[in-house]
C-alpha cells in the first residue's frame, strides 16, 4: 500500500498568514502538486489584489483632515460629524468601516457603518488581517490615526483607529480546485473556508507537507 501525501502551502500577505491545503489524499504515483500549485497561486494573487486595494482605501480615509480633527472627540460628537466633516460611508457593497480610540491596551469602538454590521475583531490592531466571519473570508485593514486635536480632559496617549473590512470572493479560485477534483481548504487564524466541493472529512493541516509561498 502506497503512503498517502497531503500537500499544503503557507501564504503571507501584508503580514497576515493563511494556509491552503488539499483535503484529498494523493499517492506518490499520481503527482497532483502542479494542479494544487495553480490553485494556490490564484488564491495568493487574489489576496494580494484585495490587500493592495483595501490598504489604499483605508489609508485614504485615515488621511482625511476631518477624521484627524474629530477622532479625539467622544462618540456623540463623532456621530454628529459623520457624513459631514468625516467620510465614513461605505464605498462598495459589503464594506464595513469602524472608528475607535485606543489608550494603551484599551480599545473603544465609537462608530460603525453600516450600523448593523458586526464589530471588527481587529480594531486596535494596526495592520492587515484575514478572518472567516459568518462563513465568508473577510480582509481587514486597520490604520492608526493621530488626532490633530485632543480635548483638555483626554489622555495624552489617545490614538484614533479606523478599520475597513471587505469580503474576499474566491469563487473563481475555488473552481480551479473543483475542476481538478482536488478540493482544498483555506485556514486563517480565525476560521476556515472550503475551496471547491466540500470534502467528506477534511484532514488537519498538522499532517500536511507545507511549502511557503515564494512571494
C-alpha atoms as a PDB file:
ATOM      1  CA  UNK A   1       0.000   0.000   0.000  1.00  0.00           C
ATOM      2  CA  UNK A   2       1.374   3.377  -1.004  1.00  0.00           C
ATOM      3  CA  UNK A   3       1.695   6.048   1.657  1.00  0.00           C
ATOM      4  CA  UNK A   4      -0.700   8.967   1.248  1.00  0.00           C
ATOM      5  CA  UNK A   5       0.598  12.529   0.996  1.00  0.00           C
ATOM      6  CA  UNK A   6      -1.127  15.798   1.826  1.00  0.00           C
ATOM      7  CA  UNK A   7       0.078  18.983   0.182  1.00  0.00           C
ATOM      8  CA  UNK A   8      -0.185  22.431   1.768  1.00  0.00           C
ATOM      9  CA  UNK A   9       1.124  25.953   1.317  1.00  0.00           C
ATOM     10  CA  UNK A  10       1.546  28.849   3.716  1.00  0.00           C
ATOM     11  CA  UNK A  11       0.710  32.274   2.264  1.00  0.00           C
ATOM     12  CA  UNK A  12       1.808  35.514   3.895  1.00  0.00           C
ATOM     13  CA  UNK A  13       0.022  38.583   2.530  1.00  0.00           C
ATOM     14  CA  UNK A  14       0.585  42.016   4.024  1.00  0.00           C
ATOM     15  CA  UNK A  15       1.669  40.446   7.307  1.00  0.00           C
ATOM     16  CA  UNK A  16      -1.403  38.185   7.521  1.00  0.00           C
ATOM     17  CA  UNK A  17      -0.945  34.424   7.208  1.00  0.00           C
ATOM     18  CA  UNK A  18      -3.278  31.892   5.626  1.00  0.00           C
ATOM     19  CA  UNK A  19      -2.781  28.201   4.967  1.00  0.00           C
ATOM     20  CA  UNK A  20      -4.162  26.376   1.927  1.00  0.00           C
ATOM     21  CA  UNK A  21      -4.084  22.611   1.976  1.00  0.00           C
ATOM     22  CA  UNK A  22      -5.570  19.847  -0.136  1.00  0.00           C
ATOM     23  CA  UNK A  23      -8.360  17.914   1.546  1.00  0.00           C
ATOM     24  CA  UNK A  24      -7.888  14.798  -0.605  1.00  0.00           C
ATOM     25  CA  UNK A  25      -5.046  12.366  -0.151  1.00  0.00           C
ATOM     26  CA  UNK A  26      -2.874  11.515  -3.131  1.00  0.00           C
ATOM     27  CA  UNK A  27      -0.401   8.697  -3.678  1.00  0.00           C
ATOM     28  CA  UNK A  28       3.170   9.400  -4.851  1.00  0.00           C
ATOM     29  CA  UNK A  29       2.350   7.688  -8.149  1.00  0.00           C
ATOM     30  CA  UNK A  30      -0.105  10.469  -9.026  1.00  0.00           C
ATOM     31  CA  UNK A  31       1.530  13.872  -8.746  1.00  0.00           C
ATOM     32  CA  UNK A  32      -1.225  16.415  -8.078  1.00  0.00           C
ATOM     33  CA  UNK A  33       1.189  19.104  -6.922  1.00  0.00           C
ATOM     34  CA  UNK A  34       1.160  21.129 -10.205  1.00  0.00           C
ATOM     35  CA  UNK A  35      -2.645  21.311 -10.135  1.00  0.00           C
ATOM     36  CA  UNK A  36      -2.609  22.284  -6.488  1.00  0.00           C
ATOM     37  CA  UNK A  37       0.079  24.919  -7.132  1.00  0.00           C
ATOM     38  CA  UNK A  38      -2.027  26.607  -9.829  1.00  0.00           C
ATOM     39  CA  UNK A  39      -4.905  26.952  -7.401  1.00  0.00           C
ATOM     40  CA  UNK A  40      -2.654  28.256  -4.638  1.00  0.00           C
ATOM     41  CA  UNK A  41      -1.059  30.792  -6.993  1.00  0.00           C
ATOM     42  CA  UNK A  42      -4.511  32.059  -7.974  1.00  0.00           C
ATOM     43  CA  UNK A  43      -5.592  32.389  -4.331  1.00  0.00           C
ATOM     44  CA  UNK A  44      -2.358  34.158  -3.452  1.00  0.00           C
ATOM     45  CA  UNK A  45      -2.808  36.635  -6.326  1.00  0.00           C
ATOM     46  CA  UNK A  46      -6.410  37.403  -5.377  1.00  0.00           C
ATOM     47  CA  UNK A  47      -5.483  38.019  -1.747  1.00  0.00           C
ATOM     48  CA  UNK A  48      -2.712  40.389  -2.813  1.00  0.00           C
ATOM     49  CA  UNK A  49      -5.079  42.339  -5.077  1.00  0.00           C
ATOM     50  CA  UNK A  50      -7.544  42.674  -2.191  1.00  0.00           C
ATOM     51  CA  UNK A  51      -4.792  43.683   0.238  1.00  0.00           C
ATOM     52  CA  UNK A  52      -3.462  46.404  -2.057  1.00  0.00           C
ATOM     53  CA  UNK A  53      -6.876  47.909  -2.797  1.00  0.00           C
ATOM     54  CA  UNK A  54      -8.002  47.709   0.822  1.00  0.00           C
ATOM     55  CA  UNK A  55      -4.831  49.355   2.087  1.00  0.00           C
ATOM     56  CA  UNK A  56      -5.299  52.244  -0.356  1.00  0.00           C
ATOM     57  CA  UNK A  57      -8.911  52.687   0.739  1.00  0.00           C
ATOM     58  CA  UNK A  58      -8.154  52.626   4.472  1.00  0.00           C
ATOM     59  CA  UNK A  59      -5.195  54.984   4.127  1.00  0.00           C
ATOM     60  CA  UNK A  60      -7.260  57.483   2.131  1.00  0.00           C
ATOM     61  CA  UNK A  61      -9.950  57.524   4.819  1.00  0.00           C
ATOM     62  CA  UNK A  62      -7.398  57.750   7.650  1.00  0.00           C
ATOM     63  CA  UNK A  63      -5.644  60.718   5.994  1.00  0.00           C
ATOM     64  CA  UNK A  64      -8.827  62.748   5.683  1.00  0.00           C
ATOM     65  CA  UNK A  65      -8.498  66.059   7.581  1.00  0.00           C
ATOM     66  CA  UNK A  66     -11.973  65.699   9.054  1.00  0.00           C
ATOM     67  CA  UNK A  67     -11.125  62.359  10.635  1.00  0.00           C
ATOM     68  CA  UNK A  68      -7.863  63.563  12.144  1.00  0.00           C
ATOM     69  CA  UNK A  69      -9.646  66.584  13.616  1.00  0.00           C
ATOM     70  CA  UNK A  70     -12.560  64.650  15.057  1.00  0.00           C
ATOM     71  CA  UNK A  71     -11.161  61.267  16.092  1.00  0.00           C
ATOM     72  CA  UNK A  72     -10.150  62.585  19.526  1.00  0.00           C
ATOM     73  CA  UNK A  73     -13.733  63.533  20.388  1.00  0.00           C
ATOM     74  CA  UNK A  74     -16.346  61.430  22.186  1.00  0.00           C
ATOM     75  CA  UNK A  75     -18.790  59.110  20.415  1.00  0.00           C
ATOM     76  CA  UNK A  76     -21.655  61.632  20.358  1.00  0.00           C
ATOM     77  CA  UNK A  77     -19.516  64.330  18.742  1.00  0.00           C
ATOM     78  CA  UNK A  78     -18.059  61.886  16.239  1.00  0.00           C
ATOM     79  CA  UNK A  79     -21.536  60.651  15.327  1.00  0.00           C
ATOM     80  CA  UNK A  80     -22.654  64.240  14.745  1.00  0.00           C
ATOM     81  CA  UNK A  81     -19.712  64.873  12.409  1.00  0.00           C
ATOM     82  CA  UNK A  82     -20.145  61.620  10.448  1.00  0.00           C
ATOM     83  CA  UNK A  83     -21.325  62.264   6.925  1.00  0.00           C
ATOM     84  CA  UNK A  84     -20.451  65.952   7.124  1.00  0.00           C
ATOM     85  CA  UNK A  85     -16.860  66.594   8.185  1.00  0.00           C
ATOM     86  CA  UNK A  86     -15.942  62.897   8.347  1.00  0.00           C
ATOM     87  CA  UNK A  87     -16.406  60.416   5.484  1.00  0.00           C
ATOM     88  CA  UNK A  88     -17.458  57.063   6.922  1.00  0.00           C
ATOM     89  CA  UNK A  89     -19.969  55.931   4.316  1.00  0.00           C
ATOM     90  CA  UNK A  90     -19.158  52.530   2.772  1.00  0.00           C
ATOM     91  CA  UNK A  91     -17.911  52.929  -0.772  1.00  0.00           C
ATOM     92  CA  UNK A  92     -18.821  49.452  -2.005  1.00  0.00           C
ATOM     93  CA  UNK A  93     -21.157  46.578  -1.220  1.00  0.00           C
ATOM     94  CA  UNK A  94     -20.192  44.600   1.885  1.00  0.00           C
ATOM     95  CA  UNK A  95     -17.703  47.260   3.041  1.00  0.00           C
ATOM     96  CA  UNK A  96     -17.661  47.903   6.788  1.00  0.00           C
ATOM     97  CA  UNK A  97     -15.984  50.960   8.334  1.00  0.00           C
ATOM     98  CA  UNK A  98     -15.388  51.208  12.067  1.00  0.00           C
ATOM     99  CA  UNK A  99     -13.844  54.065  14.055  1.00  0.00           C
ATOM    100  CA  UNK A 100     -12.442  53.797  17.538  1.00  0.00           C
ATOM    101  CA  UNK A 101      -9.918  55.045  20.054  1.00  0.00           C
ATOM    102  CA  UNK A 102      -7.036  53.288  21.743  1.00  0.00           C
ATOM    103  CA  UNK A 103      -5.483  54.283  25.045  1.00  0.00           C
ATOM    104  CA  UNK A 104      -2.720  51.864  25.978  1.00  0.00           C
ATOM    105  CA  UNK A 105      -4.227  48.393  25.584  1.00  0.00           C
ATOM    106  CA  UNK A 106      -7.832  49.579  25.904  1.00  0.00           C
ATOM    107  CA  UNK A 107      -9.754  49.940  22.633  1.00  0.00           C
ATOM    108  CA  UNK A 108     -13.176  51.608  22.407  1.00  0.00           C
ATOM    109  CA  UNK A 109     -15.424  51.385  19.345  1.00  0.00           C
ATOM    110  CA  UNK A 110     -17.143  54.709  18.644  1.00  0.00           C
ATOM    111  CA  UNK A 111     -18.899  54.345  15.303  1.00  0.00           C
ATOM    112  CA  UNK A 112     -19.615  51.681  12.702  1.00  0.00           C
ATOM    113  CA  UNK A 113     -21.073  51.822   9.190  1.00  0.00           C
ATOM    114  CA  UNK A 114     -23.332  50.171   8.382  1.00  0.00           C
ATOM    115  CA  UNK A 115     -24.669  50.230  11.939  1.00  0.00           C
ATOM    116  CA  UNK A 116     -25.995  46.675  11.603  1.00  0.00           C
ATOM    117  CA  UNK A 117     -22.549  45.238  10.845  1.00  0.00           C
ATOM    118  CA  UNK A 118     -20.691  43.225  13.455  1.00  0.00           C
ATOM    119  CA  UNK A 119     -17.743  44.708  15.311  1.00  0.00           C
ATOM    120  CA  UNK A 120     -14.299  44.073  13.863  1.00  0.00           C
ATOM    121  CA  UNK A 121     -12.246  41.657  15.996  1.00  0.00           C
ATOM    122  CA  UNK A 122      -9.117  43.576  14.926  1.00  0.00           C
ATOM    123  CA  UNK A 123      -9.991  47.153  15.895  1.00  0.00           C
ATOM    124  CA  UNK A 124      -6.892  48.498  17.599  1.00  0.00           C
ATOM    125  CA  UNK A 125      -4.525  46.023  15.912  1.00  0.00           C
ATOM    126  CA  UNK A 126      -2.850  48.053  13.183  1.00  0.00           C
ATOM    127  CA  UNK A 127      -2.119  46.089  10.021  1.00  0.00           C
ATOM    128  CA  UNK A 128      -3.725  43.701   7.520  1.00  0.00           C
ATOM    129  CA  UNK A 129      -5.819  40.786   8.797  1.00  0.00           C
ATOM    130  CA  UNK A 130      -7.698  37.793   7.383  1.00  0.00           C
ATOM    131  CA  UNK A 131     -10.575  36.040   9.115  1.00  0.00           C
ATOM    132  CA  UNK A 132     -13.633  33.946   8.321  1.00  0.00           C
ATOM    133  CA  UNK A 133     -16.767  35.668   9.586  1.00  0.00           C
ATOM    134  CA  UNK A 134     -20.240  34.181   9.102  1.00  0.00           C
ATOM    135  CA  UNK A 135     -18.839  31.765   6.528  1.00  0.00           C
ATOM    136  CA  UNK A 136     -17.124  34.443   4.414  1.00  0.00           C
ATOM    137  CA  UNK A 137     -13.448  35.269   4.030  1.00  0.00           C
ATOM    138  CA  UNK A 138     -13.026  38.856   5.245  1.00  0.00           C
ATOM    139  CA  UNK A 139      -9.967  41.075   4.848  1.00  0.00           C
ATOM    140  CA  UNK A 140      -9.468  43.983   7.254  1.00  0.00           C
ATOM    141  CA  UNK A 141      -7.026  46.866   7.206  1.00  0.00           C
ATOM    142  CA  UNK A 142      -6.561  48.788  10.463  1.00  0.00           C
ATOM    143  CA  UNK A 143      -4.800  52.146  10.432  1.00  0.00           C
ATOM    144  CA  UNK A 144      -3.828  54.309  13.395  1.00  0.00           C
ATOM    145  CA  UNK A 145      -4.871  57.958  13.245  1.00  0.00           C
ATOM    146  CA  UNK A 146      -3.025  60.590  15.279  1.00  0.00           C
ATOM    147  CA  UNK A 147      -5.606  63.177  16.418  1.00  0.00           C
ATOM    148  CA  UNK A 148      -5.000  66.727  15.239  1.00  0.00           C
ATOM    149  CA  UNK A 149      -6.809  67.927  18.369  1.00  0.00           C
ATOM    150  CA  UNK A 150      -7.420  66.431  21.812  1.00  0.00           C
ATOM    151  CA  UNK A 151      -9.900  67.768  24.376  1.00  0.00           C
ATOM    152  CA  UNK A 152      -8.219  69.023  27.591  1.00  0.00           C
ATOM    153  CA  UNK A 153      -9.503  66.039  29.567  1.00  0.00           C
ATOM    154  CA  UNK A 154      -8.388  63.409  27.011  1.00  0.00           C
ATOM    155  CA  UNK A 155      -5.462  61.081  27.801  1.00  0.00           C
ATOM    156  CA  UNK A 156      -2.296  62.355  26.083  1.00  0.00           C
ATOM    157  CA  UNK A 157      -1.574  58.926  24.561  1.00  0.00           C
ATOM    158  CA  UNK A 158      -5.001  58.596  22.900  1.00  0.00           C
ATOM    159  CA  UNK A 159      -4.841  57.338  19.311  1.00  0.00           C
ATOM    160  CA  UNK A 160      -7.626  57.017  16.797  1.00  0.00           C
ATOM    161  CA  UNK A 161      -8.078  53.813  14.810  1.00  0.00           C
ATOM    162  CA  UNK A 162     -10.020  53.023  11.661  1.00  0.00           C
ATOM    163  CA  UNK A 163     -10.814  49.510  10.459  1.00  0.00           C
ATOM    164  CA  UNK A 164     -12.024  48.897   6.911  1.00  0.00           C
ATOM    165  CA  UNK A 165     -13.250  45.395   6.039  1.00  0.00           C
ATOM    166  CA  UNK A 166     -14.195  43.732   2.749  1.00  0.00           C
ATOM    167  CA  UNK A 167     -15.383  40.266   1.816  1.00  0.00           C
ATOM    168  CA  UNK A 168     -12.916  38.489  -0.470  1.00  0.00           C
ATOM    169  CA  UNK A 169     -14.547  36.455  -3.239  1.00  0.00           C
ATOM    170  CA  UNK A 170     -12.549  33.310  -4.035  1.00  0.00           C
ATOM    171  CA  UNK A 171     -15.253  31.758  -6.220  1.00  0.00           C
ATOM    172  CA  UNK A 172     -13.148  31.636  -9.385  1.00  0.00           C
ATOM    173  CA  UNK A 173     -10.176  30.243  -7.487  1.00  0.00           C
ATOM    174  CA  UNK A 174     -12.351  27.575  -5.850  1.00  0.00           C
ATOM    175  CA  UNK A 175     -13.448  26.423  -9.308  1.00  0.00           C
ATOM    176  CA  UNK A 176      -9.837  25.538 -10.126  1.00  0.00           C
ATOM    177  CA  UNK A 177      -9.705  23.078  -7.241  1.00  0.00           C
ATOM    178  CA  UNK A 178     -13.180  21.717  -8.008  1.00  0.00           C
ATOM    179  CA  UNK A 179     -12.435  21.191 -11.708  1.00  0.00           C
ATOM    180  CA  UNK A 180      -9.339  19.203 -10.781  1.00  0.00           C
ATOM    181  CA  UNK A 181     -11.412  17.167  -8.293  1.00  0.00           C
ATOM    182  CA  UNK A 182      -8.944  18.329  -5.684  1.00  0.00           C
ATOM    183  CA  UNK A 183     -10.847  20.361  -3.073  1.00  0.00           C
ATOM    184  CA  UNK A 184      -8.831  22.477  -0.691  1.00  0.00           C
ATOM    185  CA  UNK A 185      -9.360  24.452   2.477  1.00  0.00           C
ATOM    186  CA  UNK A 186      -8.068  27.885   3.420  1.00  0.00           C
ATOM    187  CA  UNK A 187      -7.330  28.364   7.091  1.00  0.00           C
ATOM    188  CA  UNK A 188      -6.830  31.725   8.767  1.00  0.00           C
ATOM    189  CA  UNK A 189      -6.133  32.329  12.431  1.00  0.00           C
ATOM    190  CA  UNK A 190      -9.873  32.934  12.758  1.00  0.00           C
ATOM    191  CA  UNK A 191     -11.781  30.257  10.861  1.00  0.00           C
ATOM    192  CA  UNK A 192     -11.590  28.405   7.546  1.00  0.00           C
ATOM    193  CA  UNK A 193     -13.391  28.169   4.202  1.00  0.00           C
ATOM    194  CA  UNK A 194     -13.608  25.288   1.723  1.00  0.00           C
ATOM    195  CA  UNK A 195     -12.333  25.911  -1.818  1.00  0.00           C
ATOM    196  CA  UNK A 196     -14.013  23.539  -4.238  1.00  0.00           C
ATOM    197  CA  UNK A 197     -16.568  20.891  -3.343  1.00  0.00           C
ATOM    198  CA  UNK A 198     -16.895  20.153   0.347  1.00  0.00           C
ATOM    199  CA  UNK A 199     -14.912  17.072   1.408  1.00  0.00           C
ATOM    200  CA  UNK A 200     -16.494  14.304   3.437  1.00  0.00           C
ATOM    201  CA  UNK A 201     -13.775  14.580   6.059  1.00  0.00           C
ATOM    202  CA  UNK A 202     -11.069  17.202   5.981  1.00  0.00           C
ATOM    203  CA  UNK A 203      -7.629  16.264   7.327  1.00  0.00           C
ATOM    204  CA  UNK A 204      -5.884  18.635   9.673  1.00  0.00           C
ATOM    205  CA  UNK A 205      -3.122  20.950   8.495  1.00  0.00           C
ATOM    206  CA  UNK A 206      -0.721  19.456  11.027  1.00  0.00           C
ATOM    207  CA  UNK A 207      -0.352  16.377   8.825  1.00  0.00           C
ATOM    208  CA  UNK A 208       0.363  18.308   5.628  1.00  0.00           C
ATOM    209  CA  UNK A 209       3.624  18.825   3.771  1.00  0.00           C
ATOM    210  CA  UNK A 210       3.938  22.607   3.929  1.00  0.00           C
ATOM    211  CA  UNK A 211       5.539  24.828   1.322  1.00  0.00           C
ATOM    212  CA  UNK A 212       5.850  28.551   1.952  1.00  0.00           C
ATOM    213  CA  UNK A 213       4.685  30.904  -0.824  1.00  0.00           C
ATOM    214  CA  UNK A 214       7.701  32.173  -2.760  1.00  0.00           C
ATOM    215  CA  UNK A 215       6.293  35.698  -2.905  1.00  0.00           C
END
